Amino acid sequence: MRRRSVAALVIVAASLGMPPSADAAFPGDDGLIAFAYETSVPGENLTQNDIYVIAADGSGRTQLTRTPFRHEFAPAWSPDGARIAFWRTKAPFGSGSIWTMAADGSDPVRLTSAVDARDPAWSPNGRRIVFTLFDGAGAPDIATMRAVDGGGRRRLTRWKSHDFEPAWSPDGTTIAFTRGFELGDVGDVWTIDLATDHATRLTSSPGYDHQVSWSPDGSLIAFERVTGAVTAKIMSIAADGTPLRQLTSGHFDADPAYAPTGDTIVFASDRQGSFFPDLWVMRSDGVDAVRVVDLPGASTGPDQQPRPG
């Protein structure tokens, strides 16, 4: 998470399979936080990531996946809180495949094969999943598929740009994502209207804007803005593009995800001198940050479970 240039970050996120995430916070009570945790593989010069869950007070940490020589990244809760979508790749890195599993880690279902698929996020009715598609036809695009079996694939973007890390709005009408280019703009936040396929640019920054997350009422989008090798901050912007607000500063703060109540945001950060990112929770206005995961390795890609109220 540290010591990376902005250019290197966009290459890593879009091409090499590092664990960025994008989410929608579906309304409900605040449940467990799912996240990816990186550990060393015994006897091997590589690491692997597995999916864990933990309560927002830091208690009850539970490992859900155990797949040697595989990474599981970017867990995303279904709108009813019953399943988790994630993507899997061989360690150290390779093509991605999208899976879902029950909230306790049982009943794994593979949704994609023969393509490189990453960054899953659910539709608000739970019937479809939006994801980043690398199919060898050019730059990555945004696509959707059925959540039950991966069928009914529909590509939403076909640009020369790199389109990735999508998140479905809570009302189901819009998808937010990051659009970057090999030359020039490394990445900004965009939305696409599903009724018209019209894409709208929300941010224009010399930094790298990515890892979008919708607030549960659909009025705000939180995202990470990378401005240097060791500096990233959490920002928020209204769904119509104004106003833009900075929520954190002075650290490498990444992977924001609104809680289902909208009161808090969980994120990854190197604050308090941690070389690898830990998970923190702050109020949605950016104050009162509290660390909830403090482990020796890297904790990334958090998403908080919606529970029926």
C-alpha atoms as a PDB file:
ATOM      1  CA  MET A   1       0.000   0.000   0.000  1.00  0.00           C
ATOM      2  CA  ARG A   2       2.984   2.319   0.453  1.00  0.00           C
ATOM      3  CA  ARG A   3       5.905   3.309  -1.790  1.00  0.00           C
ATOM      4  CA  ARG A   4       3.923   3.241  -5.010  1.00  0.00           C
ATOM      5  CA  SER A   5       3.735   5.938  -7.641  1.00  0.00           C
ATOM      6  CA  VAL A   6       0.361   6.900  -9.045  1.00  0.00           C
ATOM      7  CA  ALA A   7       1.300   5.437 -12.433  1.00  0.00           C
ATOM      8  CA  ALA A   8       2.394   2.178 -10.824  1.00  0.00           C
ATOM      9  CA  LEU A   9      -0.837   1.975  -8.859  1.00  0.00           C
ATOM     10  CA  VAL A  10      -3.076   2.194 -11.899  1.00  0.00           C
ATOM     11  CA  ILE A  11      -1.029  -0.473 -13.680  1.00  0.00           C
ATOM     12  CA  VAL A  12      -1.211  -2.752 -10.663  1.00  0.00           C
ATOM     13  CA  ALA A  13      -4.909  -2.246 -10.046  1.00  0.00           C
ATOM     14  CA  ALA A  14      -6.046  -2.586 -13.633  1.00  0.00           C
ATOM     15  CA  SER A  15      -3.634  -5.165 -14.971  1.00  0.00           C
ATOM     16  CA  LEU A  16      -1.845  -7.257 -12.390  1.00  0.00           C
ATOM     17  CA  GLY A  17      -4.632  -8.266 -10.080  1.00  0.00           C
ATOM     18  CA  MET A  18      -4.009  -6.423  -6.818  1.00  0.00           C
ATOM     19  CA  PRO A  19      -6.976  -6.178  -4.457  1.00  0.00           C
ATOM     20  CA  PRO A  20      -8.931  -2.983  -5.104  1.00  0.00           C
ATOM     21  CA  SER A  21     -12.592  -3.079  -4.301  1.00  0.00           C
ATOM     22  CA  ALA A  22     -15.843  -1.281  -5.003  1.00  0.00           C
ATOM     23  CA  ASP A  23     -19.110  -1.622  -3.160  1.00  0.00           C
ATOM     24  CA  ALA A  24     -22.593  -0.373  -2.577  1.00  0.00           C
ATOM     25  CA  ALA A  25     -23.783  -0.127   1.011  1.00  0.00           C
ATOM     26  CA  PHE A  26     -27.252  -1.640   0.895  1.00  0.00           C
ATOM     27  CA  PRO A  27     -29.553  -0.284   3.631  1.00  0.00           C
ATOM     28  CA  GLY A  28     -29.996  -2.255   6.829  1.00  0.00           C
ATOM     29  CA  ASP A  29     -28.451  -2.726  10.235  1.00  0.00           C
ATOM     30  CA  ASP A  30     -24.657  -2.926  10.422  1.00  0.00           C
ATOM     31  CA  GLY A  31     -23.355  -6.494  10.392  1.00  0.00           C
ATOM     32  CA  LEU A  32     -19.973  -8.162  10.011  1.00  0.00           C
ATOM     33  CA  ILE A  33     -17.070  -6.655   8.084  1.00  0.00           C
ATOM     34  CA  ALA A  34     -15.645  -8.947   5.384  1.00  0.00           C
ATOM     35  CA  PHE A  35     -12.085  -8.322   4.214  1.00  0.00           C
ATOM     36  CA  ALA A  36      -9.063  -9.931   2.560  1.00  0.00           C
ATOM     37  CA  TYR A  37      -6.031 -10.749   4.710  1.00  0.00           C
ATOM     38  CA  GLU A  38      -2.583 -11.530   3.319  1.00  0.00           C
ATOM     39  CA  THR A  39      -0.273 -14.141   4.843  1.00  0.00           C
ATOM     40  CA  SER A  40       2.973 -15.822   3.782  1.00  0.00           C
ATOM     41  CA  VAL A  41       2.781 -19.316   2.317  1.00  0.00           C
ATOM     42  CA  PRO A  42       4.983 -21.590   4.458  1.00  0.00           C
ATOM     43  CA  GLY A  43       8.080 -22.725   2.588  1.00  0.00           C
ATOM     44  CA  GLU A  44       7.324 -20.566  -0.448  1.00  0.00           C
ATOM     45  CA  ASN A  45       8.474 -17.114  -1.530  1.00  0.00           C
ATOM     46  CA  LEU A  46       4.939 -15.842  -2.024  1.00  0.00           C
ATOM     47  CA  THR A  47       1.829 -14.781  -0.170  1.00  0.00           C
ATOM     48  CA  GLN A  48      -1.855 -15.579  -0.380  1.00  0.00           C
ATOM     49  CA  ASN A  49      -5.001 -13.687   0.591  1.00  0.00           C
ATOM     50  CA  ASP A  50      -8.024 -15.262   2.264  1.00  0.00           C
ATOM     51  CA  ILE A  51     -11.425 -13.840   3.146  1.00  0.00           C
ATOM     52  CA  TYR A  52     -12.194 -13.162   6.803  1.00  0.00           C
ATOM     53  CA  VAL A  53     -15.087 -11.592   8.691  1.00  0.00           C
ATOM     54  CA  ILE A  54     -14.977  -9.598  11.911  1.00  0.00           C
ATOM     55  CA  ALA A  55     -17.410  -7.571  14.013  1.00  0.00           C
ATOM     56  CA  ALA A  56     -17.139  -3.789  13.852  1.00  0.00           C
ATOM     57  CA  ASP A  57     -15.798  -3.757  17.430  1.00  0.00           C
ATOM     58  CA  GLY A  58     -12.897  -6.023  16.410  1.00  0.00           C
ATOM     59  CA  SER A  59     -14.251  -9.208  17.970  1.00  0.00           C
ATOM     60  CA  GLY A  60     -15.008 -12.616  16.486  1.00  0.00           C
ATOM     61  CA  ARG A  61     -12.504 -12.695  13.630  1.00  0.00           C
ATOM     62  CA  THR A  62     -13.268 -15.772  11.488  1.00  0.00           C
ATOM     63  CA  GLN A  63     -11.490 -17.134   8.407  1.00  0.00           C
ATOM     64  CA  LEU A  64     -13.882 -18.120   5.597  1.00  0.00           C
ATOM     65  CA  THR A  65     -11.576 -19.290   2.774  1.00  0.00           C
ATOM     66  CA  ARG A  66      -8.528 -21.564   2.899  1.00  0.00           C
ATOM     67  CA  THR A  67      -7.193 -22.179  -0.588  1.00  0.00           C
ATOM     68  CA  PRO A  68      -3.433 -22.828  -0.748  1.00  0.00           C
ATOM     69  CA  PHE A  69      -1.591 -20.932  -3.501  1.00  0.00           C
ATOM     70  CA  ARG A  70      -4.694 -18.866  -4.259  1.00  0.00           C
ATOM     71  CA  HIS A  71      -5.704 -15.285  -3.536  1.00  0.00           C
ATOM     72  CA  GLU A  72      -9.270 -14.305  -2.671  1.00  0.00           C
ATOM     73  CA  PHE A  73      -9.867 -10.563  -3.009  1.00  0.00           C
ATOM     74  CA  ALA A  74     -12.543  -7.871  -2.693  1.00  0.00           C
ATOM     75  CA  PRO A  75     -15.397  -9.523  -0.750  1.00  0.00           C
ATOM     76  CA  ALA A  76     -18.782  -7.915  -1.457  1.00  0.00           C
ATOM     77  CA  TRP A  77     -21.937  -8.644   0.567  1.00  0.00           C
ATOM     78  CA  SER A  78     -25.218  -9.400  -1.172  1.00  0.00           C
ATOM     79  CA  PRO A  79     -28.051  -6.955  -0.364  1.00  0.00           C
ATOM     80  CA  ASP A  80     -29.705  -9.461   2.008  1.00  0.00           C
ATOM     81  CA  GLY A  81     -26.392 -10.163   3.763  1.00  0.00           C
ATOM     82  CA  ALA A  82     -26.656 -13.897   3.017  1.00  0.00           C
ATOM     83  CA  ARG A  83     -23.799 -14.309   0.508  1.00  0.00           C
ATOM     84  CA  ILE A  84     -20.395 -12.867  -0.313  1.00  0.00           C
ATOM     85  CA  ALA A  85     -19.037 -12.385  -3.826  1.00  0.00           C
ATOM     86  CA  PHE A  86     -15.269 -12.305  -4.340  1.00  0.00           C
ATOM     87  CA  TRP A  87     -12.654 -12.988  -6.983  1.00  0.00           C
ATOM     88  CA  ARG A  88      -9.951 -15.637  -6.924  1.00  0.00           C
ATOM     89  CA  THR A  89      -6.616 -15.918  -8.722  1.00  0.00           C
ATOM     90  CA  LYS A  90      -3.539 -18.108  -8.519  1.00  0.00           C
ATOM     91  CA  ALA A  91      -0.668 -16.851  -6.366  1.00  0.00           C
ATOM     92  CA  PRO A  92       1.362 -14.824  -7.052  1.00  0.00           C
ATOM     93  CA  PHE A  93      -1.066 -13.464  -9.738  1.00  0.00           C
ATOM     94  CA  GLY A  94      -3.023 -14.601 -12.736  1.00  0.00           C
ATOM     95  CA  SER A  95      -6.441 -14.410 -14.355  1.00  0.00           C
ATOM     96  CA  GLY A  96      -9.353 -13.870 -12.021  1.00  0.00           C
ATOM     97  CA  SER A  97     -12.548 -15.855 -11.548  1.00  0.00           C
ATOM     98  CA  ILE A  98     -15.614 -14.634  -9.676  1.00  0.00           C
ATOM     99  CA  TRP A  99     -17.220 -16.754  -6.973  1.00  0.00           C
ATOM    100  CA  THR A 100     -19.923 -16.439  -4.349  1.00  0.00           C
ATOM    101  CA  MET A 101     -20.255 -18.220  -1.024  1.00  0.00           C
ATOM    102  CA  ALA A 102     -22.584 -18.241   1.958  1.00  0.00           C
ATOM    103  CA  ALA A 103     -21.921 -15.832   4.806  1.00  0.00           C
ATOM    104  CA  ASP A 104     -20.201 -18.604   6.782  1.00  0.00           C
ATOM    105  CA  GLY A 105     -17.915 -19.593   3.884  1.00  0.00           C
ATOM    106  CA  SER A 106     -19.905 -22.659   2.825  1.00  0.00           C
ATOM    107  CA  ASP A 107     -21.527 -23.369  -0.560  1.00  0.00           C
ATOM    108  CA  PRO A 108     -18.899 -21.850  -2.902  1.00  0.00           C
ATOM    109  CA  VAL A 109     -20.195 -21.263  -6.450  1.00  0.00           C
ATOM    110  CA  ARG A 110     -17.960 -20.339  -9.394  1.00  0.00           C
ATOM    111  CA  LEU A 111     -19.582 -17.859 -11.785  1.00  0.00           C
ATOM    112  CA  THR A 112     -16.916 -17.229 -14.440  1.00  0.00           C
ATOM    113  CA  SER A 113     -14.366 -19.228 -16.412  1.00  0.00           C
ATOM    114  CA  ALA A 114     -12.310 -18.759 -19.612  1.00  0.00           C
ATOM    115  CA  VAL A 115     -12.185 -14.978 -19.027  1.00  0.00           C
ATOM    116  CA  ASP A 116     -10.354 -12.765 -16.560  1.00  0.00           C
ATOM    117  CA  ALA A 117     -13.065 -11.431 -14.241  1.00  0.00           C
ATOM    118  CA  ARG A 118     -12.544  -9.300 -11.120  1.00  0.00           C
ATOM    119  CA  ASP A 119     -14.093  -6.745  -8.745  1.00  0.00           C
ATOM    120  CA  PRO A 120     -17.626  -8.160  -8.225  1.00  0.00           C
ATOM    121  CA  ALA A 121     -20.453  -6.056  -6.779  1.00  0.00           C
ATOM    122  CA  TRP A 122     -24.145  -6.981  -6.396  1.00  0.00           C
ATOM    123  CA  SER A 123     -27.231  -5.353  -7.836  1.00  0.00           C
ATOM    124  CA  PRO A 124     -29.681  -4.139  -5.167  1.00  0.00           C
ATOM    125  CA  ASN A 125     -32.176  -6.914  -5.977  1.00  0.00           C
ATOM    126  CA  GLY A 126     -29.433  -9.528  -5.659  1.00  0.00           C
ATOM    127  CA  ARG A 127     -30.100 -10.989  -9.104  1.00  0.00           C
ATOM    128  CA  ARG A 128     -27.039  -9.722 -10.979  1.00  0.00           C
ATOM    129  CA  ILE A 129     -23.394  -8.958 -10.353  1.00  0.00           C
ATOM    130  CA  VAL A 130     -21.388  -6.203 -12.027  1.00  0.00           C
ATOM    131  CA  PHE A 131     -17.683  -6.821 -12.522  1.00  0.00           C
ATOM    132  CA  THR A 132     -14.490  -5.920 -14.392  1.00  0.00           C
ATOM    133  CA  LEU A 133     -14.069  -8.013 -17.554  1.00  0.00           C
ATOM    134  CA  PHE A 134     -10.718  -8.720 -19.222  1.00  0.00           C
ATOM    135  CA  ASP A 135     -11.512 -10.947 -22.201  1.00  0.00           C
ATOM    136  CA  GLY A 136      -8.555 -10.306 -24.488  1.00  0.00           C
ATOM    137  CA  ALA A 137     -10.510  -7.918 -26.696  1.00  0.00           C
ATOM    138  CA  GLY A 138      -8.676  -4.828 -25.462  1.00  0.00           C
ATOM    139  CA  ALA A 139      -8.834  -2.700 -22.333  1.00  0.00           C
ATOM    140  CA  PRO A 140     -10.927  -3.899 -19.374  1.00  0.00           C
ATOM    141  CA  ASP A 141     -14.641  -3.141 -19.508  1.00  0.00           C
ATOM    142  CA  ILE A 142     -17.600  -3.203 -17.132  1.00  0.00           C
ATOM    143  CA  ALA A 143     -20.056  -6.088 -17.506  1.00  0.00           C
ATOM    144  CA  THR A 144     -22.918  -7.706 -15.610  1.00  0.00           C
ATOM    145  CA  MET A 145     -24.079 -11.312 -15.235  1.00  0.00           C
ATOM    146  CA  ARG A 146     -26.627 -13.365 -13.342  1.00  0.00           C
ATOM    147  CA  ALA A 147     -25.661 -13.892  -9.717  1.00  0.00           C
ATOM    148  CA  VAL A 148     -26.989 -17.439  -9.586  1.00  0.00           C
ATOM    149  CA  ASP A 149     -24.959 -18.999 -12.393  1.00  0.00           C
ATOM    150  CA  GLY A 150     -22.883 -16.317 -14.189  1.00  0.00           C
ATOM    151  CA  GLY A 151     -25.026 -16.479 -17.325  1.00  0.00           C
ATOM    152  CA  GLY A 152     -26.713 -13.667 -19.234  1.00  0.00           C
ATOM    153  CA  ARG A 153     -23.526 -11.631 -19.532  1.00  0.00           C
ATOM    154  CA  ARG A 154     -23.940  -8.041 -20.738  1.00  0.00           C
ATOM    155  CA  ARG A 155     -21.047  -5.691 -21.474  1.00  0.00           C
ATOM    156  CA  LEU A 156     -21.783  -2.092 -20.441  1.00  0.00           C
ATOM    157  CA  THR A 157     -18.673  -0.315 -21.729  1.00  0.00           C
ATOM    158  CA  ARG A 158     -16.650  -0.760 -24.927  1.00  0.00           C
ATOM    159  CA  TRP A 159     -14.186   2.096 -24.796  1.00  0.00           C
ATOM    160  CA  LYS A 160     -10.454   2.350 -25.403  1.00  0.00           C
ATOM    161  CA  SER A 161     -10.272   3.443 -21.775  1.00  0.00           C
ATOM    162  CA  HIS A 162      -9.619   1.117 -18.848  1.00  0.00           C
ATOM    163  CA  ASP A 163     -12.961   0.748 -17.048  1.00  0.00           C
ATOM    164  CA  PHE A 164     -12.850  -1.151 -13.751  1.00  0.00           C
ATOM    165  CA  GLU A 165     -13.959  -1.424 -10.072  1.00  0.00           C
ATOM    166  CA  PRO A 166     -17.714  -0.971 -10.604  1.00  0.00           C
ATOM    167  CA  ALA A 167     -20.340  -0.505  -7.874  1.00  0.00           C
ATOM    168  CA  TRP A 168     -24.126  -0.642  -8.345  1.00  0.00           C
ATOM    169  CA  SER A 169     -26.187   2.208  -6.878  1.00  0.00           C
ATOM    170  CA  PRO A 170     -28.675   1.214  -4.141  1.00  0.00           C
ATOM    171  CA  ASP A 171     -31.632   2.236  -6.342  1.00  0.00           C
ATOM    172  CA  GLY A 172     -30.406   0.026  -9.191  1.00  0.00           C
ATOM    173  CA  THR A 173     -30.325   2.751 -11.852  1.00  0.00           C
ATOM    174  CA  THR A 174     -26.633   3.622 -12.013  1.00  0.00           C
ATOM    175  CA  ILE A 175     -23.202   2.049 -11.807  1.00  0.00           C
ATOM    176  CA  ALA A 176     -20.176   3.999 -10.574  1.00  0.00           C
ATOM    177  CA  PHE A 177     -16.714   2.930 -11.726  1.00  0.00           C
ATOM    178  CA  THR A 178     -13.174   4.119 -12.445  1.00  0.00           C
ATOM    179  CA  ARG A 179     -12.081   5.087 -15.938  1.00  0.00           C
ATOM    180  CA  GLY A 180      -8.381   5.489 -16.724  1.00  0.00           C
ATOM    181  CA  PHE A 181      -6.118   5.604 -19.770  1.00  0.00           C
ATOM    182  CA  GLU A 182      -2.701   4.154 -20.560  1.00  0.00           C
ATOM    183  CA  LEU A 183      -1.527   7.637 -21.508  1.00  0.00           C
ATOM    184  CA  GLY A 184      -2.703  10.740 -19.699  1.00  0.00           C
ATOM    185  CA  ASP A 185      -5.441  10.477 -17.069  1.00  0.00           C
ATOM    186  CA  VAL A 186      -4.677   7.630 -14.667  1.00  0.00           C
ATOM    187  CA  GLY A 187      -8.225   7.380 -13.347  1.00  0.00           C
ATOM    188  CA  ASP A 188     -11.357   9.308 -12.396  1.00  0.00           C
ATOM    189  CA  VAL A 189     -14.778   8.419 -11.046  1.00  0.00           C
ATOM    190  CA  TRP A 190     -17.529   7.987 -13.629  1.00  0.00           C
ATOM    191  CA  THR A 191     -21.120   6.767 -13.582  1.00  0.00           C
ATOM    192  CA  ILE A 192     -23.192   5.057 -16.255  1.00  0.00           C
ATOM    193  CA  ASP A 193     -26.982   5.309 -16.475  1.00  0.00           C
ATOM    194  CA  LEU A 194     -28.317   1.805 -17.099  1.00  0.00           C
ATOM    195  CA  ALA A 195     -31.424   3.047 -18.894  1.00  0.00           C
ATOM    196  CA  THR A 196     -29.545   5.135 -21.458  1.00  0.00           C
ATOM    197  CA  ASP A 197     -25.936   3.809 -21.322  1.00  0.00           C
ATOM    198  CA  HIS A 198     -24.862   7.430 -20.920  1.00  0.00           C
ATOM    199  CA  ALA A 199     -21.577   7.810 -19.021  1.00  0.00           C
ATOM    200  CA  THR A 200     -20.905  10.875 -16.822  1.00  0.00           C
ATOM    201  CA  ARG A 201     -17.564  11.974 -15.438  1.00  0.00           C
ATOM    202  CA  LEU A 202     -17.726  12.999 -11.766  1.00  0.00           C
ATOM    203  CA  THR A 203     -14.094  13.794 -10.919  1.00  0.00           C
ATOM    204  CA  SER A 204     -11.178  15.293 -12.810  1.00  0.00           C
ATOM    205  CA  SER A 205      -7.996  15.070 -10.809  1.00  0.00           C
ATOM    206  CA  PRO A 206      -4.273  14.711 -11.543  1.00  0.00           C
ATOM    207  CA  GLY A 207      -4.370  11.972  -8.910  1.00  0.00           C
ATOM    208  CA  TYR A 208      -5.814   8.502  -9.170  1.00  0.00           C
ATOM    209  CA  ASP A 209      -9.497   8.352  -8.122  1.00  0.00           C
ATOM    210  CA  HIS A 210     -10.812   4.825  -7.647  1.00  0.00           C
ATOM    211  CA  GLN A 211     -12.378   2.239  -5.290  1.00  0.00           C
ATOM    212  CA  VAL A 212     -15.844   3.745  -5.246  1.00  0.00           C
ATOM    213  CA  SER A 213     -18.519   2.992  -2.631  1.00  0.00           C
ATOM    214  CA  TRP A 214     -22.135   4.196  -2.591  1.00  0.00           C
ATOM    215  CA  SER A 215     -23.793   5.445   0.579  1.00  0.00           C
ATOM    216  CA  PRO A 216     -26.934   3.411   1.424  1.00  0.00           C
ATOM    217  CA  ASP A 217     -29.271   6.247   0.420  1.00  0.00           C
ATOM    218  CA  GLY A 218     -27.486   6.624  -2.927  1.00  0.00           C
ATOM    219  CA  SER A 219     -26.719  10.304  -2.402  1.00  0.00           C
ATOM    220  CA  LEU A 220     -22.935  10.040  -1.976  1.00  0.00           C
ATOM    221  CA  ILE A 221     -20.003   8.121  -3.435  1.00  0.00           C
ATOM    222  CA  ALA A 222     -16.866   7.644  -1.333  1.00  0.00           C
ATOM    223  CA  PHE A 223     -13.609   6.887  -3.114  1.00  0.00           C
ATOM    224  CA  GLU A 224      -9.846   6.796  -2.698  1.00  0.00           C
ATOM    225  CA  ARG A 225      -7.679   9.530  -4.221  1.00  0.00           C
ATOM    226  CA  VAL A 226      -3.990   8.601  -4.613  1.00  0.00           C
ATOM    227  CA  THR A 227      -1.768  11.671  -4.872  1.00  0.00           C
ATOM    228  CA  GLY A 228       1.717  10.239  -4.317  1.00  0.00           C
ATOM    229  CA  ALA A 229       3.732   7.135  -3.551  1.00  0.00           C
ATOM    230  CA  VAL A 230       2.780   7.158   0.135  1.00  0.00           C
ATOM    231  CA  THR A 231      -0.283   9.403   0.192  1.00  0.00           C
ATOM    232  CA  ALA A 232      -3.934   8.568  -0.401  1.00  0.00           C
ATOM    233  CA  LYS A 233      -7.050  10.090   1.079  1.00  0.00           C
ATOM    234  CA  ILE A 234     -10.699   9.206   1.332  1.00  0.00           C
ATOM    235  CA  MET A 235     -12.990  11.578  -0.534  1.00  0.00           C
ATOM    236  CA  SER A 236     -16.736  11.773  -1.055  1.00  0.00           C
ATOM    237  CA  ILE A 237     -18.784  13.317  -3.821  1.00  0.00           C
ATOM    238  CA  ALA A 238     -22.506  13.690  -4.413  1.00  0.00           C
ATOM    239  CA  ALA A 239     -23.969  11.386  -7.031  1.00  0.00           C
ATOM    240  CA  ASP A 240     -24.557  14.412  -9.278  1.00  0.00           C
ATOM    241  CA  GLY A 241     -20.889  15.441  -9.015  1.00  0.00           C
ATOM    242  CA  THR A 242     -21.110  18.190  -6.361  1.00  0.00           C
ATOM    243  CA  PRO A 243     -19.908  18.903  -3.804  1.00  0.00           C
ATOM    244  CA  LEU A 244     -16.529  17.185  -3.445  1.00  0.00           C
ATOM    245  CA  ARG A 245     -15.337  16.662   0.134  1.00  0.00           C
ATOM    246  CA  GLN A 246     -12.062  15.395   1.587  1.00  0.00           C
ATOM    247  CA  LEU A 247     -12.578  13.086   4.587  1.00  0.00           C
ATOM    248  CA  THR A 248      -9.015  12.044   5.536  1.00  0.00           C
ATOM    249  CA  SER A 249      -5.449  13.294   5.085  1.00  0.00           C
ATOM    250  CA  GLY A 250      -1.861  12.606   6.070  1.00  0.00           C
ATOM    251  CA  HIS A 251      -1.884   8.826   5.551  1.00  0.00           C
ATOM    252  CA  PHE A 252      -2.378   6.156   2.918  1.00  0.00           C
ATOM    253  CA  ASP A 253      -6.134   5.638   3.403  1.00  0.00           C
ATOM    254  CA  ALA A 254      -7.768   3.247   0.955  1.00  0.00           C
ATOM    255  CA  ASP A 255     -10.728   0.956   0.178  1.00  0.00           C
ATOM    256  CA  PRO A 256     -13.612   2.981   1.696  1.00  0.00           C
ATOM    257  CA  ALA A 257     -16.967   1.252   2.226  1.00  0.00           C
ATOM    258  CA  TYR A 258     -20.055   2.816   3.794  1.00  0.00           C
ATOM    259  CA  ALA A 259     -21.820   0.926   6.558  1.00  0.00           C
ATOM    260  CA  PRO A 260     -25.426  -0.130   5.802  1.00  0.00           C
ATOM    261  CA  THR A 261     -26.715   2.515   8.235  1.00  0.00           C
ATOM    262  CA  GLY A 262     -24.612   5.171   6.496  1.00  0.00           C
ATOM    263  CA  ASP A 263     -23.235   6.364   9.849  1.00  0.00           C
ATOM    264  CA  THR A 264     -19.679   5.073   9.379  1.00  0.00           C
ATOM    265  CA  ILE A 265     -17.090   4.157   6.751  1.00  0.00           C
ATOM    266  CA  VAL A 266     -14.693   1.242   7.061  1.00  0.00           C
ATOM    267  CA  PHE A 267     -11.356   1.610   5.261  1.00  0.00           C
ATOM    268  CA  ALA A 268      -7.752   0.365   5.113  1.00  0.00           C
ATOM    269  CA  SER A 269      -4.946   2.581   6.386  1.00  0.00           C
ATOM    270  CA  ASP A 270      -1.259   2.659   7.276  1.00  0.00           C
ATOM    271  CA  ARG A 271      -1.839   5.248  10.022  1.00  0.00           C
ATOM    272  CA  GLN A 272      -0.129   4.887  13.408  1.00  0.00           C
ATOM    273  CA  GLY A 273       3.029   3.647  11.718  1.00  0.00           C
ATOM    274  CA  SER A 274       1.677   0.373  10.372  1.00  0.00           C
ATOM    275  CA  PHE A 275       3.724  -0.733   7.348  1.00  0.00           C
ATOM    276  CA  PHE A 276       0.888  -2.967   6.133  1.00  0.00           C
ATOM    277  CA  PRO A 277      -2.660  -1.583   6.109  1.00  0.00           C
ATOM    278  CA  ASP A 278      -5.021  -2.274   8.990  1.00  0.00           C
ATOM    279  CA  LEU A 279      -8.791  -1.764   8.968  1.00  0.00           C
ATOM    280  CA  TRP A 280     -10.298   1.315  10.571  1.00  0.00           C
ATOM    281  CA  VAL A 281     -13.832   2.630  11.046  1.00  0.00           C
ATOM    282  CA  MET A 282     -14.634   6.344  11.106  1.00  0.00           C
ATOM    283  CA  ARG A 283     -17.779   8.431  11.116  1.00  0.00           C
ATOM    284  CA  SER A 284     -19.059   9.180   7.644  1.00  0.00           C
ATOM    285  CA  ASP A 285     -17.853  12.776   8.038  1.00  0.00           C
ATOM    286  CA  GLY A 286     -14.272  11.531   8.477  1.00  0.00           C
ATOM    287  CA  VAL A 287     -13.756  11.942  12.229  1.00  0.00           C
ATOM    288  CA  ASP A 288     -13.350   9.591  15.203  1.00  0.00           C
ATOM    289  CA  ALA A 289     -11.368   6.876  13.400  1.00  0.00           C
ATOM    290  CA  VAL A 290     -10.903   3.663  15.413  1.00  0.00           C
ATOM    291  CA  ARG A 291      -8.768   0.672  14.416  1.00  0.00           C
ATOM    292  CA  VAL A 292     -10.735  -2.591  14.295  1.00  0.00           C
ATOM    293  CA  VAL A 293      -8.179  -4.938  12.677  1.00  0.00           C
ATOM    294  CA  ASP A 294      -4.537  -4.890  13.782  1.00  0.00           C
ATOM    295  CA  LEU A 295      -2.704  -7.874  12.267  1.00  0.00           C
ATOM    296  CA  PRO A 296       0.893  -8.440  11.088  1.00  0.00           C
ATOM    297  CA  GLY A 297      -0.085  -8.690   7.404  1.00  0.00           C
ATOM    298  CA  ALA A 298      -2.127  -6.545   5.041  1.00  0.00           C
ATOM    299  CA  SER A 299      -5.886  -6.217   5.541  1.00  0.00           C
ATOM    300  CA  THR A 300      -7.680  -4.809   2.484  1.00  0.00           C
ATOM    301  CA  GLY A 301     -10.964  -4.515   0.591  1.00  0.00           C
ATOM    302  CA  PRO A 302     -13.467  -4.293   3.477  1.00  0.00           C
ATOM    303  CA  ASP A 303     -17.225  -4.419   2.999  1.00  0.00           C
ATOM    304  CA  GLN A 304     -19.882  -4.378   5.750  1.00  0.00           C
ATOM    305  CA  GLN A 305     -22.810  -6.783   5.855  1.00  0.00           C
ATOM    306  CA  PRO A 306     -26.363  -5.408   5.659  1.00  0.00           C
ATOM    307  CA  ARG A 307     -28.735  -7.072   8.108  1.00  0.00           C
ATOM    308  CA  PRO A 308     -32.517  -6.762   8.006  1.00  0.00           C
ATOM    309  CA  GLY A 309     -33.681  -4.085  10.446  1.00  0.00           C
END
